[in-house]
Amino acid sequence: MSAGYQPSKFQQFDGKGNPKQHIFHFVETCNNVGTNGDLLVKQFVRTLNCNAFDWYCDLEPGMLDTWEQLEQECLNRFYSTRCTVSMVELTNACQWKDEPVVDYINRWRHLSLNCKDRLSESSGIEMCIKGMQWDLQYILQGIQPL
């Protein structure tokens, strides 16, 4: 390492989060300081703890020589706990009885952020309104989004 080198501060991964997101963040952090390719393999261990570090320690020596191999093995070993929402699920989301409209909108918005399909703002607003209780739909049907 060159004089004055400051190692990057990496987010830690314990095997329970989203491995794809962790890898993306790791690669971006390394790219910011000019680290890429096989140097990523040597830096990656610094991001692991708990079960993820145990997994790394249990790998056979020389099994993974390139960043691409290590990345794929990590993605194969750990899976994302993030749930994806289909357009059908989003369309079928409805305001619950006695649920305040603000809570419904926030719940619907959270679902929409996990939707794998792209949704335009206007169609998202329309879809959210259609899931509201009938009296709110009636009031909002004439209002056009800005």
N, C-alpha and C. Protein backbone atom coordinates (compact mmCIF):
# COMPACT_ATOMS: atom_id res chain seq x y z
N MET A 1 0.84 -1.18 0.00
CA MET A 1 0.00 0.00 0.00
C MET A 1 0.89 1.25 0.00
N SER A 2 0.40 2.28 -0.63
CA SER A 2 1.17 3.52 -0.72
C SER A 2 1.11 4.27 0.60
N ALA A 3 2.06 5.19 0.79
CA ALA A 3 2.09 6.00 2.01
C ALA A 3 0.81 6.82 2.10
N GLY A 4 0.24 6.88 3.30
CA GLY A 4 -0.97 7.64 3.51
C GLY A 4 -2.25 6.91 3.12
N TYR A 5 -2.12 5.64 2.73
CA TYR A 5 -3.31 4.88 2.34
C TYR A 5 -4.26 4.74 3.52
N GLN A 6 -5.51 5.04 3.28
CA GLN A 6 -6.55 4.86 4.29
C GLN A 6 -7.52 3.80 3.78
N PRO A 7 -7.63 2.68 4.46
CA PRO A 7 -8.57 1.65 3.99
C PRO A 7 -10.00 2.17 4.05
N SER A 8 -10.80 1.71 3.10
CA SER A 8 -12.21 2.10 3.04
C SER A 8 -12.97 1.51 4.22
N LYS A 9 -13.99 2.22 4.64
CA LYS A 9 -14.89 1.72 5.68
C LYS A 9 -16.02 1.00 4.98
N PHE A 10 -16.06 -0.30 5.14
CA PHE A 10 -17.06 -1.12 4.47
C PHE A 10 -18.24 -1.42 5.37
N GLN A 11 -19.42 -1.51 4.75
CA GLN A 11 -20.58 -2.04 5.47
C GLN A 11 -20.31 -3.51 5.73
N GLN A 12 -20.82 -4.00 6.84
CA GLN A 12 -20.62 -5.40 7.20
C GLN A 12 -21.80 -6.24 6.73
N PHE A 13 -21.48 -7.48 6.38
CA PHE A 13 -22.50 -8.43 5.93
C PHE A 13 -22.41 -9.67 6.79
N ASP A 14 -23.53 -10.02 7.43
CA ASP A 14 -23.54 -11.20 8.31
C ASP A 14 -24.28 -12.39 7.70
N GLY A 15 -24.70 -12.25 6.45
CA GLY A 15 -25.39 -13.34 5.78
C GLY A 15 -26.90 -13.24 5.85
N LYS A 16 -27.42 -12.28 6.60
CA LYS A 16 -28.87 -12.18 6.77
C LYS A 16 -29.50 -11.12 5.88
N GLY A 17 -28.73 -10.19 5.39
CA GLY A 17 -29.28 -9.13 4.56
C GLY A 17 -29.35 -9.54 3.10
N ASN A 18 -29.38 -8.57 2.24
CA ASN A 18 -29.46 -8.79 0.80
C ASN A 18 -28.03 -8.87 0.24
N PRO A 19 -27.57 -10.06 -0.18
CA PRO A 19 -26.19 -10.19 -0.65
C PRO A 19 -25.93 -9.39 -1.93
N LYS A 20 -26.91 -9.29 -2.79
CA LYS A 20 -26.73 -8.54 -4.03
C LYS A 20 -26.49 -7.06 -3.72
N GLN A 21 -27.27 -6.54 -2.80
CA GLN A 21 -27.12 -5.15 -2.39
C GLN A 21 -25.77 -4.93 -1.70
N HIS A 22 -25.36 -5.87 -0.85
CA HIS A 22 -24.07 -5.76 -0.17
C HIS A 22 -22.92 -5.75 -1.18
N ILE A 23 -22.97 -6.65 -2.14
CA ILE A 23 -21.91 -6.72 -3.15
C ILE A 23 -21.87 -5.44 -3.97
N PHE A 24 -23.03 -4.94 -4.36
CA PHE A 24 -23.08 -3.70 -5.14
C PHE A 24 -22.44 -2.55 -4.35
N HIS A 25 -22.81 -2.43 -3.08
CA HIS A 25 -22.24 -1.37 -2.25
C HIS A 25 -20.73 -1.55 -2.09
N PHE A 26 -20.30 -2.78 -1.89
CA PHE A 26 -18.87 -3.07 -1.75
C PHE A 26 -18.10 -2.67 -3.01
N VAL A 27 -18.59 -3.08 -4.16
CA VAL A 27 -17.92 -2.78 -5.43
C VAL A 27 -17.86 -1.27 -5.65
N GLU A 28 -18.95 -0.57 -5.38
CA GLU A 28 -18.97 0.88 -5.55
C GLU A 28 -17.98 1.56 -4.61
N THR A 29 -17.90 1.10 -3.38
CA THR A 29 -16.94 1.65 -2.42
C THR A 29 -15.52 1.43 -2.91
N CYS A 30 -15.24 0.23 -3.42
CA CYS A 30 -13.90 -0.07 -3.93
C CYS A 30 -13.58 0.73 -5.19
N ASN A 31 -14.56 0.90 -6.06
CA ASN A 31 -14.33 1.67 -7.28
C ASN A 31 -14.00 3.13 -6.96
N ASN A 32 -14.56 3.64 -5.88
CA ASN A 32 -14.29 5.03 -5.48
C ASN A 32 -12.83 5.24 -5.11
N VAL A 33 -12.14 4.19 -4.69
CA VAL A 33 -10.72 4.32 -4.32
C VAL A 33 -9.81 3.60 -5.31
N GLY A 34 -10.36 3.22 -6.44
CA GLY A 34 -9.54 2.64 -7.51
C GLY A 34 -9.24 1.16 -7.36
N THR A 35 -9.95 0.46 -6.51
CA THR A 35 -9.74 -0.98 -6.35
C THR A 35 -10.74 -1.71 -7.23
N ASN A 36 -10.24 -2.64 -8.04
CA ASN A 36 -11.16 -3.42 -8.87
C ASN A 36 -10.54 -4.79 -9.16
N GLY A 37 -11.24 -5.58 -9.93
CA GLY A 37 -10.72 -6.89 -10.34
C GLY A 37 -10.42 -7.80 -9.18
N ASP A 38 -9.27 -8.48 -9.27
CA ASP A 38 -8.93 -9.48 -8.27
C ASP A 38 -8.55 -8.87 -6.92
N LEU A 39 -8.26 -7.55 -6.90
CA LEU A 39 -8.02 -6.91 -5.61
C LEU A 39 -9.28 -6.90 -4.75
N LEU A 40 -10.42 -7.01 -5.40
CA LEU A 40 -11.69 -7.08 -4.66
C LEU A 40 -11.74 -8.33 -3.78
N VAL A 41 -11.16 -9.42 -4.27
CA VAL A 41 -11.17 -10.68 -3.51
C VAL A 41 -10.48 -10.46 -2.16
N LYS A 42 -9.37 -9.78 -2.17
CA LYS A 42 -8.60 -9.57 -0.94
C LYS A 42 -9.31 -8.61 0.02
N GLN A 43 -10.07 -7.66 -0.52
CA GLN A 43 -10.78 -6.68 0.33
C GLN A 43 -12.10 -7.23 0.87
N PHE A 44 -12.71 -8.15 0.14
CA PHE A 44 -14.06 -8.60 0.46
C PHE A 44 -14.16 -9.19 1.86
N VAL A 45 -13.17 -9.92 2.29
CA VAL A 45 -13.21 -10.56 3.61
C VAL A 45 -13.40 -9.53 4.72
N ARG A 46 -12.95 -8.30 4.50
CA ARG A 46 -13.08 -7.24 5.51
C ARG A 46 -14.54 -6.82 5.71
N THR A 47 -15.43 -7.23 4.81
CA THR A 47 -16.84 -6.84 4.91
C THR A 47 -17.68 -7.91 5.58
N LEU A 48 -17.10 -9.04 5.89
CA LEU A 48 -17.87 -10.19 6.38
C LEU A 48 -17.75 -10.35 7.89
N ASN A 49 -18.85 -10.75 8.51
CA ASN A 49 -18.81 -11.13 9.92
C ASN A 49 -19.85 -12.22 10.17
N CYS A 50 -19.85 -12.77 11.35
CA CYS A 50 -20.79 -13.82 11.77
C CYS A 50 -20.82 -14.98 10.77
N ASN A 51 -22.03 -15.37 10.34
CA ASN A 51 -22.17 -16.53 9.44
C ASN A 51 -21.48 -16.34 8.11
N ALA A 52 -21.46 -15.12 7.60
CA ALA A 52 -20.82 -14.87 6.31
C ALA A 52 -19.31 -15.06 6.42
N PHE A 53 -18.73 -14.63 7.54
CA PHE A 53 -17.29 -14.82 7.73
C PHE A 53 -16.98 -16.31 7.91
N ASP A 54 -17.82 -17.02 8.63
CA ASP A 54 -17.64 -18.47 8.79
C ASP A 54 -17.66 -19.17 7.43
N TRP A 55 -18.61 -18.78 6.57
CA TRP A 55 -18.70 -19.34 5.22
C TRP A 55 -17.39 -19.11 4.46
N TYR A 56 -16.89 -17.89 4.52
CA TYR A 56 -15.67 -17.54 3.81
C TYR A 56 -14.48 -18.37 4.33
N CYS A 57 -14.39 -18.51 5.65
CA CYS A 57 -13.30 -19.28 6.25
C CYS A 57 -13.35 -20.75 5.88
N ASP A 58 -14.55 -21.27 5.62
CA ASP A 58 -14.72 -22.67 5.28
C ASP A 58 -14.48 -22.98 3.80
N LEU A 59 -14.29 -21.94 2.97
CA LEU A 59 -14.00 -22.18 1.56
C LEU A 59 -12.64 -22.86 1.43
N GLU A 60 -12.54 -23.78 0.50
CA GLU A 60 -11.27 -24.45 0.28
C GLU A 60 -10.27 -23.47 -0.30
N PRO A 61 -9.03 -23.49 0.19
CA PRO A 61 -8.01 -22.57 -0.35
C PRO A 61 -7.86 -22.75 -1.86
N GLY A 62 -7.78 -21.64 -2.57
CA GLY A 62 -7.61 -21.67 -4.02
C GLY A 62 -8.88 -21.96 -4.79
N MET A 63 -10.00 -22.17 -4.09
CA MET A 63 -11.26 -22.50 -4.75
C MET A 63 -11.75 -21.33 -5.59
N LEU A 64 -11.56 -20.13 -5.07
CA LEU A 64 -12.04 -18.94 -5.75
C LEU A 64 -10.87 -18.00 -6.03
N ASP A 65 -10.47 -17.93 -7.28
CA ASP A 65 -9.31 -17.12 -7.63
C ASP A 65 -9.66 -15.74 -8.16
N THR A 66 -10.88 -15.57 -8.64
CA THR A 66 -11.25 -14.30 -9.25
C THR A 66 -12.42 -13.68 -8.50
N TRP A 67 -12.57 -12.38 -8.69
CA TRP A 67 -13.70 -11.68 -8.08
C TRP A 67 -15.02 -12.25 -8.59
N GLU A 68 -15.10 -12.54 -9.88
CA GLU A 68 -16.32 -13.07 -10.45
C GLU A 68 -16.73 -14.38 -9.79
N GLN A 69 -15.75 -15.25 -9.52
CA GLN A 69 -16.05 -16.52 -8.85
C GLN A 69 -16.55 -16.29 -7.42
N LEU A 70 -15.87 -15.40 -6.70
CA LEU A 70 -16.26 -15.12 -5.32
C LEU A 70 -17.65 -14.48 -5.25
N GLU A 71 -17.89 -13.55 -6.15
CA GLU A 71 -19.20 -12.90 -6.19
C GLU A 71 -20.30 -13.92 -6.44
N GLN A 72 -20.12 -14.79 -7.42
CA GLN A 72 -21.14 -15.80 -7.75
C GLN A 72 -21.34 -16.78 -6.61
N GLU A 73 -20.27 -17.20 -5.99
CA GLU A 73 -20.37 -18.14 -4.86
C GLU A 73 -21.12 -17.51 -3.69
N CYS A 74 -20.85 -16.25 -3.43
CA CYS A 74 -21.55 -15.53 -2.35
C CYS A 74 -23.04 -15.43 -2.66
N LEU A 75 -23.37 -15.08 -3.89
CA LEU A 75 -24.79 -14.96 -4.28
C LEU A 75 -25.49 -16.32 -4.24
N ASN A 76 -24.75 -17.39 -4.56
CA ASN A 76 -25.32 -18.74 -4.49
C ASN A 76 -25.56 -19.19 -3.05
N ARG A 77 -24.65 -18.79 -2.17
CA ARG A 77 -24.72 -19.24 -0.77
C ARG A 77 -25.78 -18.50 0.03
N PHE A 78 -25.85 -17.20 -0.17
CA PHE A 78 -26.78 -16.38 0.60
C PHE A 78 -27.90 -15.92 -0.33
N TYR A 79 -29.06 -15.85 0.18
CA TYR A 79 -30.18 -15.43 -0.65
C TYR A 79 -30.80 -14.19 -0.03
N SER A 80 -31.43 -13.43 -0.87
CA SER A 80 -32.06 -12.20 -0.43
C SER A 80 -33.37 -12.50 0.29
N THR A 81 -33.58 -11.81 1.39
CA THR A 81 -34.84 -11.95 2.11
C THR A 81 -35.85 -10.91 1.64
N ARG A 82 -35.43 -10.10 0.69
CA ARG A 82 -36.33 -9.08 0.17
C ARG A 82 -37.44 -9.74 -0.65
N CYS A 83 -38.65 -9.36 -0.36
CA CYS A 83 -39.79 -9.90 -1.09
C CYS A 83 -40.08 -9.01 -2.29
N THR A 84 -40.33 -9.62 -3.41
CA THR A 84 -40.75 -8.84 -4.56
C THR A 84 -42.26 -8.92 -4.68
N VAL A 85 -42.83 -7.84 -5.13
CA VAL A 85 -44.28 -7.73 -5.24
C VAL A 85 -44.63 -7.70 -6.72
N SER A 86 -45.60 -8.49 -7.10
CA SER A 86 -46.03 -8.51 -8.50
C SER A 86 -47.04 -7.38 -8.74
N MET A 87 -47.26 -7.07 -10.00
CA MET A 87 -48.24 -6.06 -10.36
C MET A 87 -49.64 -6.48 -9.91
N VAL A 88 -49.92 -7.78 -9.94
CA VAL A 88 -51.22 -8.29 -9.50
C VAL A 88 -51.41 -8.01 -8.00
N GLU A 89 -50.37 -8.29 -7.20
CA GLU A 89 -50.46 -8.02 -5.76
C GLU A 89 -50.68 -6.54 -5.49
N LEU A 90 -49.98 -5.72 -6.25
CA LEU A 90 -50.10 -4.27 -6.09
C LEU A 90 -51.51 -3.81 -6.47
N THR A 91 -52.03 -4.35 -7.54
CA THR A 91 -53.38 -4.00 -7.98
C THR A 91 -54.43 -4.45 -6.97
N ASN A 92 -54.20 -5.59 -6.33
CA ASN A 92 -55.17 -6.14 -5.38
C ASN A 92 -55.06 -5.55 -3.98
N ALA A 93 -54.04 -4.73 -3.73
CA ALA A 93 -53.89 -4.13 -2.40
C ALA A 93 -55.04 -3.17 -2.15
N CYS A 94 -55.70 -3.34 -1.04
CA CYS A 94 -56.86 -2.51 -0.70
C CYS A 94 -56.72 -1.97 0.72
N GLN A 95 -57.37 -0.85 0.93
CA GLN A 95 -57.41 -0.26 2.26
C GLN A 95 -58.24 -1.17 3.17
N TRP A 96 -57.72 -1.47 4.34
CA TRP A 96 -58.42 -2.32 5.29
C TRP A 96 -59.52 -1.53 5.98
N LYS A 97 -60.49 -2.27 6.46
CA LYS A 97 -61.58 -1.63 7.21
C LYS A 97 -60.98 -0.93 8.43
N ASP A 98 -61.37 0.29 8.66
CA ASP A 98 -60.90 1.12 9.78
C ASP A 98 -59.42 1.50 9.68
N GLU A 99 -58.78 1.24 8.53
CA GLU A 99 -57.39 1.66 8.35
C GLU A 99 -57.38 3.13 7.92
N PRO A 100 -56.67 3.98 8.64
CA PRO A 100 -56.59 5.38 8.21
C PRO A 100 -55.97 5.47 6.81
N VAL A 101 -56.45 6.41 6.02
CA VAL A 101 -56.01 6.52 4.63
C VAL A 101 -54.51 6.75 4.54
N VAL A 102 -53.95 7.50 5.47
CA VAL A 102 -52.50 7.75 5.45
C VAL A 102 -51.74 6.44 5.65
N ASP A 103 -52.22 5.59 6.54
CA ASP A 103 -51.57 4.30 6.76
C ASP A 103 -51.67 3.42 5.52
N TYR A 104 -52.84 3.45 4.87
CA TYR A 104 -53.00 2.67 3.63
C TYR A 104 -52.04 3.17 2.55
N ILE A 105 -51.97 4.48 2.37
CA ILE A 105 -51.09 5.05 1.33
C ILE A 105 -49.64 4.66 1.62
N ASN A 106 -49.22 4.76 2.86
CA ASN A 106 -47.84 4.37 3.22
C ASN A 106 -47.60 2.89 2.99
N ARG A 107 -48.58 2.05 3.34
CA ARG A 107 -48.45 0.60 3.11
C ARG A 107 -48.39 0.31 1.62
N TRP A 108 -49.25 0.95 0.84
CA TRP A 108 -49.26 0.74 -0.61
C TRP A 108 -47.95 1.21 -1.23
N ARG A 109 -47.47 2.35 -0.78
CA ARG A 109 -46.20 2.88 -1.31
C ARG A 109 -45.05 1.91 -1.02
N HIS A 110 -45.02 1.37 0.20
CA HIS A 110 -43.97 0.40 0.54
C HIS A 110 -44.05 -0.82 -0.37
N LEU A 111 -45.26 -1.30 -0.62
CA LEU A 111 -45.43 -2.43 -1.55
C LEU A 111 -44.92 -2.06 -2.94
N SER A 112 -45.27 -0.85 -3.40
CA SER A 112 -44.88 -0.44 -4.75
C SER A 112 -43.37 -0.35 -4.91
N LEU A 113 -42.66 0.00 -3.83
CA LEU A 113 -41.20 0.08 -3.90
C LEU A 113 -40.56 -1.29 -4.09
N ASN A 114 -41.29 -2.34 -3.71
CA ASN A 114 -40.79 -3.70 -3.88
C ASN A 114 -41.35 -4.38 -5.12
N CYS A 115 -42.05 -3.61 -5.95
CA CYS A 115 -42.62 -4.17 -7.17
C CYS A 115 -41.52 -4.31 -8.22
N LYS A 116 -41.47 -5.48 -8.84
CA LYS A 116 -40.42 -5.75 -9.83
C LYS A 116 -40.70 -5.04 -11.16
N ASP A 117 -41.94 -4.63 -11.39
CA ASP A 117 -42.31 -3.96 -12.63
C ASP A 117 -42.24 -2.45 -12.46
N ARG A 118 -41.90 -1.76 -13.53
CA ARG A 118 -41.87 -0.29 -13.52
C ARG A 118 -43.31 0.22 -13.55
N LEU A 119 -43.53 1.28 -12.82
CA LEU A 119 -44.86 1.84 -12.70
C LEU A 119 -44.75 3.35 -12.83
N SER A 120 -45.52 3.94 -13.77
CA SER A 120 -45.49 5.39 -13.91
C SER A 120 -46.17 6.03 -12.70
N GLU A 121 -45.84 7.27 -12.44
CA GLU A 121 -46.41 7.96 -11.29
C GLU A 121 -47.93 8.04 -11.40
N SER A 122 -48.42 8.40 -12.59
CA SER A 122 -49.87 8.55 -12.74
C SER A 122 -50.61 7.22 -12.58
N SER A 123 -50.07 6.14 -13.14
CA SER A 123 -50.75 4.84 -12.98
C SER A 123 -50.63 4.34 -11.54
N GLY A 124 -49.54 4.69 -10.86
CA GLY A 124 -49.39 4.32 -9.45
C GLY A 124 -50.43 5.02 -8.58
N ILE A 125 -50.62 6.32 -8.85
CA ILE A 125 -51.62 7.08 -8.09
C ILE A 125 -53.01 6.50 -8.35
N GLU A 126 -53.30 6.22 -9.60
CA GLU A 126 -54.60 5.66 -9.97
C GLU A 126 -54.82 4.31 -9.29
N MET A 127 -53.80 3.47 -9.29
CA MET A 127 -53.91 2.15 -8.69
C MET A 127 -54.11 2.25 -7.17
N CYS A 128 -53.39 3.17 -6.55
CA CYS A 128 -53.51 3.37 -5.10
C CYS A 128 -54.92 3.84 -4.75
N ILE A 129 -55.44 4.78 -5.52
CA ILE A 129 -56.78 5.31 -5.27
C ILE A 129 -57.83 4.21 -5.44
N LYS A 130 -57.65 3.33 -6.42
CA LYS A 130 -58.63 2.25 -6.64
C LYS A 130 -58.68 1.27 -5.46
N GLY A 131 -57.62 1.22 -4.67
CA GLY A 131 -57.60 0.34 -3.51
C GLY A 131 -58.21 0.97 -2.28
N MET A 132 -58.55 2.26 -2.37
CA MET A 132 -59.12 2.95 -1.21
C MET A 132 -60.58 2.58 -1.04
N GLN A 133 -61.09 2.86 0.14
CA GLN A 133 -62.50 2.63 0.41
C GLN A 133 -63.33 3.48 -0.55
N TRP A 134 -64.52 3.01 -0.87
CA TRP A 134 -65.33 3.59 -1.94
C TRP A 134 -65.57 5.07 -1.76
N ASP A 135 -65.85 5.53 -0.53
CA ASP A 135 -66.16 6.95 -0.33
C ASP A 135 -64.96 7.83 -0.66
N LEU A 136 -63.75 7.36 -0.36
CA LEU A 136 -62.55 8.13 -0.71
C LEU A 136 -62.32 8.11 -2.22
N GLN A 137 -62.58 6.98 -2.85
CA GLN A 137 -62.45 6.90 -4.31
C GLN A 137 -63.36 7.92 -4.97
N TYR A 138 -64.59 8.00 -4.49
CA TYR A 138 -65.57 8.91 -5.05
C TYR A 138 -65.10 10.36 -4.95
N ILE A 139 -64.55 10.72 -3.79
CA ILE A 139 -64.07 12.08 -3.58
C ILE A 139 -62.87 12.39 -4.47
N LEU A 140 -61.96 11.42 -4.61
CA LEU A 140 -60.71 11.64 -5.33
C LEU A 140 -60.79 11.42 -6.84
N GLN A 141 -61.87 10.82 -7.32
CA GLN A 141 -61.90 10.46 -8.74
C GLN A 141 -61.82 11.65 -9.67
N GLY A 142 -62.29 12.82 -9.26
CA GLY A 142 -62.25 13.98 -10.12
C GLY A 142 -60.97 14.79 -10.01
N ILE A 143 -60.10 14.44 -9.06
CA ILE A 143 -58.86 15.19 -8.86
C ILE A 143 -57.77 14.60 -9.74
N GLN A 144 -57.15 15.45 -10.53
CA GLN A 144 -56.07 15.01 -11.42
C GLN A 144 -54.73 15.23 -10.72
N PRO A 145 -53.81 14.27 -10.79
CA PRO A 145 -52.49 14.48 -10.20
C PRO A 145 -51.74 15.58 -10.96
N LEU A 146 -50.92 16.30 -10.24
CA LEU A 146 -50.14 17.39 -10.86
C LEU A 146 -49.02 16.87 -11.70
